[in-house]
Amino acid sequence: MRKNKQSLLAEKVVAKTDNSNKPEKKRKEKVVLSSLRGKKVSGYLKCDRCKVIHLENWIYSYTDGTTKRLCRFCKGFDLDKAKGIKRDLLNYCVDGSAFGGKRR
């Protein structure tokens, strides 16, 4: 016996909605800084980013409960990333070359 067009379409719709075999994708929670203001710590501590011991460090807490110790050189990179500011290496270079000066 031949099925009509409406019953075939209804079977397709039921088959599409009845995909309970596929596992649901779990989304990772986005880890961001909970506060842009860190706590300054004096003393010799190892930076978590560059792995160098510095005198001045800041401790920043993240939304997943972790903390990072960042030196004064590395904290600018992470703060810019948290604010959504895109910068390149030239923004972090030290001024003082004679190329930009007005010497003659």
C-alpha atoms as a PDB file:
ATOM      1  CA  MET A   1       0.000   0.000   0.000  1.00  0.00           C
ATOM      2  CA  ARG A   2       1.359   3.382  -0.954  1.00  0.00           C
ATOM      3  CA  LYS A   3       1.720   6.141   1.686  1.00  0.00           C
ATOM      4  CA  ASN A   4       0.619   9.638   0.935  1.00  0.00           C
ATOM      5  CA  LYS A   5       2.963  12.631   0.986  1.00  0.00           C
ATOM      6  CA  GLN A   6       1.717  14.072   4.305  1.00  0.00           C
ATOM      7  CA  SER A   7       2.353  10.884   6.244  1.00  0.00           C
ATOM      8  CA  LEU A   8       5.903  10.658   4.821  1.00  0.00           C
ATOM      9  CA  LEU A   9       6.627  14.247   5.902  1.00  0.00           C
ATOM     10  CA  ALA A  10       5.223  13.559   9.382  1.00  0.00           C
ATOM     11  CA  GLU A  11       7.533  10.540   9.752  1.00  0.00           C
ATOM     12  CA  LYS A  12      10.561  12.683   8.823  1.00  0.00           C
ATOM     13  CA  VAL A  13       9.659  15.313  11.390  1.00  0.00           C
ATOM     14  CA  VAL A  14       9.272  12.676  14.113  1.00  0.00           C
ATOM     15  CA  ALA A  15      12.595  11.098  13.127  1.00  0.00           C
ATOM     16  CA  LYS A  16      14.394  14.472  13.328  1.00  0.00           C
ATOM     17  CA  THR A  17      13.014  15.316  16.758  1.00  0.00           C
ATOM     18  CA  ASP A  18      13.622  11.831  18.132  1.00  0.00           C
ATOM     19  CA  ASN A  19      17.437  12.032  18.083  1.00  0.00           C
ATOM     20  CA  SER A  20      17.872  11.112  21.743  1.00  0.00           C
ATOM     21  CA  ASN A  21      20.793   8.852  20.807  1.00  0.00           C
ATOM     22  CA  LYS A  22      23.218  11.769  20.392  1.00  0.00           C
ATOM     23  CA  PRO A  23      24.921  13.015  23.565  1.00  0.00           C
ATOM     24  CA  GLU A  24      24.549  16.701  24.348  1.00  0.00           C
ATOM     25  CA  LYS A  25      27.626  18.862  23.940  1.00  0.00           C
ATOM     26  CA  LYS A  26      28.796  20.371  27.195  1.00  0.00           C
ATOM     27  CA  ARG A  27      30.024  23.923  26.934  1.00  0.00           C
ATOM     28  CA  LYS A  28      33.076  24.920  28.884  1.00  0.00           C
ATOM     29  CA  GLU A  29      32.598  27.794  31.259  1.00  0.00           C
ATOM     30  CA  LYS A  30      34.588  30.828  30.230  1.00  0.00           C
ATOM     31  CA  VAL A  31      37.221  31.696  32.808  1.00  0.00           C
ATOM     32  CA  VAL A  32      37.683  35.444  33.186  1.00  0.00           C
ATOM     33  CA  LEU A  33      39.056  37.831  35.778  1.00  0.00           C
ATOM     34  CA  SER A  34      36.586  38.416  38.577  1.00  0.00           C
ATOM     35  CA  SER A  35      38.046  41.868  39.255  1.00  0.00           C
ATOM     36  CA  LEU A  36      40.410  44.031  37.244  1.00  0.00           C
ATOM     37  CA  ARG A  37      41.968  45.293  40.451  1.00  0.00           C
ATOM     38  CA  GLY A  38      44.507  42.921  41.954  1.00  0.00           C
ATOM     39  CA  LYS A  39      46.133  42.749  45.340  1.00  0.00           C
ATOM     40  CA  LYS A  40      49.730  44.018  45.419  1.00  0.00           C
ATOM     41  CA  VAL A  41      52.213  41.768  47.198  1.00  0.00           C
ATOM     42  CA  SER A  42      55.698  42.922  48.123  1.00  0.00           C
ATOM     43  CA  GLY A  43      58.529  40.447  48.316  1.00  0.00           C
ATOM     44  CA  TYR A  44      60.282  38.080  45.996  1.00  0.00           C
ATOM     45  CA  LEU A  45      57.724  35.829  44.292  1.00  0.00           C
ATOM     46  CA  LYS A  46      57.737  33.820  41.093  1.00  0.00           C
ATOM     47  CA  CYS A  47      55.472  35.075  38.309  1.00  0.00           C
ATOM     48  CA  ASP A  48      53.036  32.429  37.053  1.00  0.00           C
ATOM     49  CA  ARG A  49      53.306  33.626  33.463  1.00  0.00           C
ATOM     50  CA  CYS A  50      57.001  34.294  32.810  1.00  0.00           C
ATOM     51  CA  LYS A  51      58.353  32.029  35.618  1.00  0.00           C
ATOM     52  CA  VAL A  52      60.857  34.681  36.801  1.00  0.00           C
ATOM     53  CA  ILE A  53      61.257  35.877  40.384  1.00  0.00           C
ATOM     54  CA  HIS A  54      60.318  39.574  40.785  1.00  0.00           C
ATOM     55  CA  LEU A  55      60.062  41.967  43.712  1.00  0.00           C
ATOM     56  CA  GLU A  56      56.598  43.404  42.956  1.00  0.00           C
ATOM     57  CA  ASN A  57      53.741  41.044  42.147  1.00  0.00           C
ATOM     58  CA  TRP A  58      49.963  41.295  41.944  1.00  0.00           C
ATOM     59  CA  ILE A  59      47.518  38.509  42.769  1.00  0.00           C
ATOM     60  CA  TYR A  60      44.429  38.296  40.532  1.00  0.00           C
ATOM     61  CA  SER A  61      41.467  35.989  41.155  1.00  0.00           C
ATOM     62  CA  TYR A  62      39.480  34.307  38.391  1.00  0.00           C
ATOM     63  CA  THR A  63      35.843  33.229  38.180  1.00  0.00           C
ATOM     64  CA  ASP A  64      36.651  29.528  38.621  1.00  0.00           C
ATOM     65  CA  GLY A  65      38.284  30.235  42.007  1.00  0.00           C
ATOM     66  CA  THR A  66      41.922  30.097  40.921  1.00  0.00           C
ATOM     67  CA  THR A  67      44.466  32.831  41.517  1.00  0.00           C
ATOM     68  CA  LYS A  68      47.498  33.990  39.534  1.00  0.00           C
ATOM     69  CA  ARG A  69      50.579  35.881  40.654  1.00  0.00           C
ATOM     70  CA  LEU A  70      51.686  38.251  37.920  1.00  0.00           C
ATOM     71  CA  CYS A  71      54.721  40.540  37.817  1.00  0.00           C
ATOM     72  CA  ARG A  72      54.538  44.164  36.733  1.00  0.00           C
ATOM     73  CA  PHE A  73      55.621  43.219  33.219  1.00  0.00           C
ATOM     74  CA  CYS A  74      53.059  40.443  32.641  1.00  0.00           C
ATOM     75  CA  LYS A  75      50.008  42.009  34.262  1.00  0.00           C
ATOM     76  CA  GLY A  76      49.522  44.412  31.348  1.00  0.00           C
ATOM     77  CA  PHE A  77      49.062  41.565  28.884  1.00  0.00           C
ATOM     78  CA  ASP A  78      46.411  39.816  30.982  1.00  0.00           C
ATOM     79  CA  LEU A  79      44.531  43.009  31.820  1.00  0.00           C
ATOM     80  CA  ASP A  80      44.372  43.979  28.152  1.00  0.00           C
ATOM     81  CA  LYS A  81      43.082  40.520  27.320  1.00  0.00           C
ATOM     82  CA  ALA A  82      40.406  40.768  30.014  1.00  0.00           C
ATOM     83  CA  LYS A  83      39.299  44.203  28.791  1.00  0.00           C
ATOM     84  CA  GLY A  84      39.247  43.052  25.168  1.00  0.00           C
ATOM     85  CA  ILE A  85      41.932  45.462  23.997  1.00  0.00           C
ATOM     86  CA  LYS A  86      44.012  44.133  21.124  1.00  0.00           C
ATOM     87  CA  ARG A  87      47.613  45.275  21.215  1.00  0.00           C
ATOM     88  CA  ASP A  88      50.836  44.124  19.637  1.00  0.00           C
ATOM     89  CA  LEU A  89      54.429  44.019  20.806  1.00  0.00           C
ATOM     90  CA  LEU A  90      55.179  47.623  19.852  1.00  0.00           C
ATOM     91  CA  ASN A  91      52.726  48.893  22.474  1.00  0.00           C
ATOM     92  CA  TYR A  92      54.885  47.331  25.198  1.00  0.00           C
ATOM     93  CA  CYS A  93      58.270  48.520  23.870  1.00  0.00           C
ATOM     94  CA  VAL A  94      60.297  51.055  25.798  1.00  0.00           C
ATOM     95  CA  ASP A  95      60.577  54.527  24.303  1.00  0.00           C
ATOM     96  CA  GLY A  96      63.909  56.282  23.970  1.00  0.00           C
ATOM     97  CA  SER A  97      65.215  55.659  20.497  1.00  0.00           C
ATOM     98  CA  ALA A  98      66.621  58.588  18.519  1.00  0.00           C
ATOM     99  CA  PHE A  99      64.554  57.634  15.483  1.00  0.00           C
ATOM    100  CA  GLY A 100      61.454  59.463  16.737  1.00  0.00           C
ATOM    101  CA  GLY A 101      63.354  62.496  18.029  1.00  0.00           C
ATOM    102  CA  LYS A 102      63.868  65.848  16.332  1.00  0.00           C
ATOM    103  CA  ARG A 103      67.658  65.882  16.355  1.00  0.00           C
ATOM    104  CA  ARG A 104      69.418  67.330  13.326  1.00  0.00           C
END
